[in-house]
Protein backbone atom coordinates (compact mmCIF):
# COMPACT_ATOMS: atom_id res chain seq x y z
CA MET A 1 -1.13 10.10 7.77
CA ARG A 2 0.40 7.24 9.61
CA PRO A 3 1.71 3.85 8.42
CA LEU A 4 -0.70 1.00 8.78
CA GLU A 5 -0.22 -1.72 11.27
CA ILE A 6 -0.05 -5.25 9.73
CA TYR A 7 -3.24 -6.31 11.32
CA GLU A 8 -4.99 -3.19 10.01
CA TYR A 9 -3.76 -4.04 6.50
CA SER A 10 -5.10 -7.59 6.82
CA GLN A 11 -8.50 -6.27 8.03
CA ILE A 12 -8.72 -3.87 5.04
CA MET A 13 -7.72 -6.53 2.49
CA ASP A 14 -10.22 -8.97 3.90
CA LEU A 15 -13.03 -6.45 3.65
CA LEU A 16 -12.04 -5.71 0.03
CA ASP A 17 -12.35 -9.44 -0.60
CA SER A 18 -15.60 -10.12 1.17
CA GLY A 19 -17.61 -6.91 1.21
CA PHE A 20 -19.72 -5.86 4.21
CA GLN A 21 -22.82 -4.08 5.37
CA TYR A 22 -22.50 -0.64 6.90
CA ARG A 23 -24.44 2.53 7.81
CA ASP A 24 -23.60 5.68 6.00
CA HIS A 25 -23.45 9.17 7.55
CA GLU A 26 -27.28 9.39 7.21
CA ASN A 27 -27.67 6.08 8.96
CA ARG A 28 -28.87 4.37 5.82
CA LYS A 29 -27.97 0.71 5.42
CA ARG A 30 -25.46 0.16 2.62
CA THR A 31 -23.52 -2.69 1.04
CA PHE A 32 -19.88 -2.45 0.28
CA ARG A 33 -19.24 -4.91 -2.50
CA PRO A 34 -15.92 -6.78 -2.92
CA ASN A 35 -13.58 -4.59 -4.93
CA PRO A 36 -10.62 -6.43 -6.52
CA LYS A 37 -9.41 -3.27 -8.31
CA VAL A 38 -8.96 -1.23 -5.03
CA LYS A 39 -7.54 -4.36 -3.40
CA MET A 40 -4.93 -4.71 -6.22
CA ALA A 41 -4.04 -1.01 -5.95
CA LEU A 42 -3.45 -1.14 -2.29
CA PHE A 43 -1.59 -4.49 -2.49
CA LEU A 44 0.77 -3.05 -5.01
CA GLU A 45 1.32 0.11 -3.04
CA THR A 46 2.12 -1.97 -0.02
CA ASN A 47 4.35 -4.43 -1.82
CA LEU A 48 6.11 -2.15 -4.20
CA GLY A 49 6.40 1.05 -1.98
CA LEU A 50 5.14 3.25 -4.95
CA ARG A 51 2.86 6.25 -4.59
CA ILE A 52 -0.80 5.68 -5.53
CA SER A 53 -0.33 8.01 -8.55
CA ASP A 54 2.35 5.53 -9.95
CA ILE A 55 0.23 2.54 -9.07
CA LYS A 56 -2.51 4.04 -11.21
CA ARG A 57 -0.09 4.50 -14.11
CA LEU A 58 1.33 0.89 -14.02
CA LYS A 59 1.02 -1.01 -17.23
CA ILE A 60 1.63 -4.70 -17.69
CA LYS A 61 4.74 -3.91 -19.64
CA ASN A 62 6.29 -2.18 -16.49
CA PHE A 63 6.84 -5.75 -15.19
CA LYS A 64 9.75 -7.11 -17.07
CA GLY A 65 10.48 -10.58 -15.89
CA SER A 66 11.26 -10.27 -12.25
CA ARG A 67 11.86 -6.42 -12.54
CA LEU A 68 9.80 -3.38 -12.14
CA GLU A 69 10.60 -0.42 -14.42
CA ILE A 70 8.69 2.80 -14.19
CA THR A 71 9.41 6.48 -14.20
CA GLU A 72 7.83 8.16 -11.11
CA LYS A 73 5.21 10.76 -11.90
CA LYS A 74 6.20 13.07 -8.95
CA THR A 75 9.85 12.96 -9.30
CA GLY A 76 10.61 11.88 -12.78
CA LYS A 77 13.05 9.37 -11.36
CA LEU A 78 13.30 5.85 -12.68
CA GLN A 79 12.47 2.95 -10.48
CA TYR A 80 14.21 -0.15 -11.94
CA ARG A 81 14.65 -2.97 -9.57
CA GLU A 82 13.98 -6.66 -9.05
CA ILE A 83 10.75 -7.54 -7.10
CA ASN A 84 9.40 -10.56 -5.51
CA PRO A 85 8.39 -13.12 -8.21
CA GLU A 86 5.09 -13.76 -6.40
CA ILE A 87 4.08 -10.16 -7.04
CA VAL A 88 4.76 -10.64 -10.75
CA ASP A 89 2.66 -13.83 -10.69
CA ILE A 90 -0.17 -12.03 -8.96
CA VAL A 91 -0.04 -9.23 -11.55
CA LYS A 92 0.13 -11.73 -14.43
CA ASP A 93 -2.89 -13.55 -13.03
CA TYR A 94 -4.82 -10.38 -12.52
CA ALA A 95 -3.99 -9.25 -16.19
CA ILE A 96 -5.18 -12.59 -17.57
CA GLU A 97 -8.39 -12.60 -15.49
CA ASN A 98 -9.18 -9.01 -16.75
CA GLY A 99 -8.11 -9.56 -20.37
CA LEU A 100 -5.26 -7.07 -20.19
CA ARG A 101 -2.53 -6.60 -22.79
CA LEU A 102 1.01 -5.32 -22.30
CA ASN A 103 0.16 -1.56 -22.97
CA ASP A 104 -3.00 -1.57 -21.00
CA ASN A 105 -3.09 0.11 -17.61
CA LEU A 106 -3.18 -2.51 -14.87
CA LEU A 107 -6.00 -0.59 -13.08
CA ASP A 108 -8.84 1.28 -14.68
CA ILE A 109 -9.84 2.97 -11.43
CA GLY A 110 -9.32 6.58 -10.40
CA ILE A 111 -7.22 7.57 -7.40
CA ARG A 112 -10.21 9.45 -5.84
CA ASN A 113 -12.25 6.27 -6.08
CA VAL A 114 -9.58 4.20 -4.23
CA GLN A 115 -9.47 6.88 -1.62
CA GLN A 116 -13.25 6.98 -1.16
CA GLN A 117 -13.48 3.16 -0.97
CA LEU A 118 -10.71 3.17 1.59
CA LYS A 119 -12.43 5.85 3.71
CA ILE A 120 -15.57 3.73 3.90
CA ILE A 121 -13.56 0.85 5.09
CA THR A 122 -11.53 2.81 7.66
CA ASN A 123 -14.72 4.39 8.96
CA TYR A 124 -16.24 0.98 9.36
CA LEU A 125 -13.12 -0.39 11.16
CA GLY A 126 -12.89 2.77 13.22
CA LEU A 127 -9.37 3.52 12.01
CA GLU A 128 -8.13 7.10 11.93
CA ASN A 129 -5.39 8.87 10.05
CA ILE A 130 -5.23 6.29 7.31
CA SER A 131 -4.97 7.21 3.64
CA THR A 132 -3.57 5.41 0.52
CA HIS A 133 -0.16 6.88 1.36
CA SER A 134 -0.32 4.76 4.72
CA PHE A 135 0.34 1.68 2.55
CA ARG A 136 3.52 3.12 1.19
CA LYS A 137 4.53 4.02 4.68
CA LEU A 138 3.81 0.44 5.84
CA TYR A 139 6.21 -0.76 3.00
CA ALA A 140 8.91 1.62 4.34
CA THR A 141 8.41 0.62 7.96
CA LEU A 142 8.52 -3.16 7.24
CA GLN A 143 11.49 -2.81 4.89
CA TYR A 144 13.26 -0.75 7.61
CA GLU A 145 12.66 -3.50 10.17
CA LYS A 146 13.58 -6.30 7.80
CA SER A 147 16.87 -4.40 6.83
CA ASN A 148 17.95 -3.98 10.59
CA GLY A 149 17.59 -0.29 10.32
CA ASN A 150 19.28 0.36 6.91
CA ILE A 151 17.81 3.82 6.34
CA GLU A 152 19.91 4.35 3.23
CA LEU A 153 18.41 1.28 1.68
CA ILE A 154 14.80 2.58 2.41
CA LYS A 155 15.67 5.96 0.98
CA GLU A 156 16.73 4.32 -2.28
CA LEU A 157 13.74 1.96 -2.38
CA LEU A 158 11.31 4.94 -1.98
CA ASN A 159 13.44 7.02 -4.40
CA HIS A 160 13.77 9.82 -1.81
CA THR A 161 16.38 12.53 -2.20
CA SER A 162 17.02 12.91 1.47
CA ILE A 163 17.10 10.58 4.50
CA ALA A 164 15.12 13.22 6.49
CA THR A 165 12.10 12.60 4.22
CA THR A 166 12.50 8.77 4.58
CA GLN A 167 12.62 9.11 8.44
CA LYS A 168 9.13 10.63 8.40
CA TYR A 169 7.87 7.40 6.78
CA ILE A 170 9.26 4.94 9.31
CA ARG A 171 7.43 4.47 12.51
CA VAL A 172 7.69 2.12 15.43
CA SER A 173 4.57 0.00 15.66
CA GLN A 174 1.99 0.79 18.38
CA GLN A 175 2.42 -2.77 19.65
CA GLU A 176 6.10 -2.16 20.12
CA ILE A 177 5.52 1.14 21.92
CA ASP A 178 2.90 -0.52 24.22
CA LYS A 179 5.24 -3.51 24.95
CA ALA A 180 8.16 -1.23 25.73
CA SER A 181 6.13 0.94 28.00
CA ARG A 182 4.29 -1.97 29.60
CA GLU A 183 7.45 -3.89 30.31
CA PHE A 184 9.58 -1.04 31.61
CA LEU A 185 10.07 -0.73 35.35
CA LEU A 186 13.04 0.62 37.21
CA LYS A 187 12.97 -0.08 40.96
């Protein structure tokens, strides 16, 4: 799976907000209803860089002031770091809107359901090689760009044990590839 491009992220999030009409594999007309739970899951994966399995396990109490504290399911490693206060505000607003308490899971939606909903959207948009993990890879790519190529920082943010693993996450955007290729000419 590849990282998302920013414009693809925006398209997906917009469709999760608005819903849309589409045709299924048997050409039947279907309605995709707005889905704030899937939107929240993908928003958090993109903005926290966590795996979808850890997003699913998040509780309100994992957000301590401006910090995130969670033990990763896959690695058993602790993630304890400051996060953007706007993310905390969005989580708090979501919790209030949904009547959630400190020990409640933030999202009562299955990982498979998130994947299925995302598949419907990516098919509708004609996007290929996109999964929930593409959102974590987008986080890695954007953090890499923002940090001027500090791969060690990205390794730590993703809680990877090796830089080799982190390098698989980071990708130059298609627009950058196209621009470099289009603008190159040696006479």
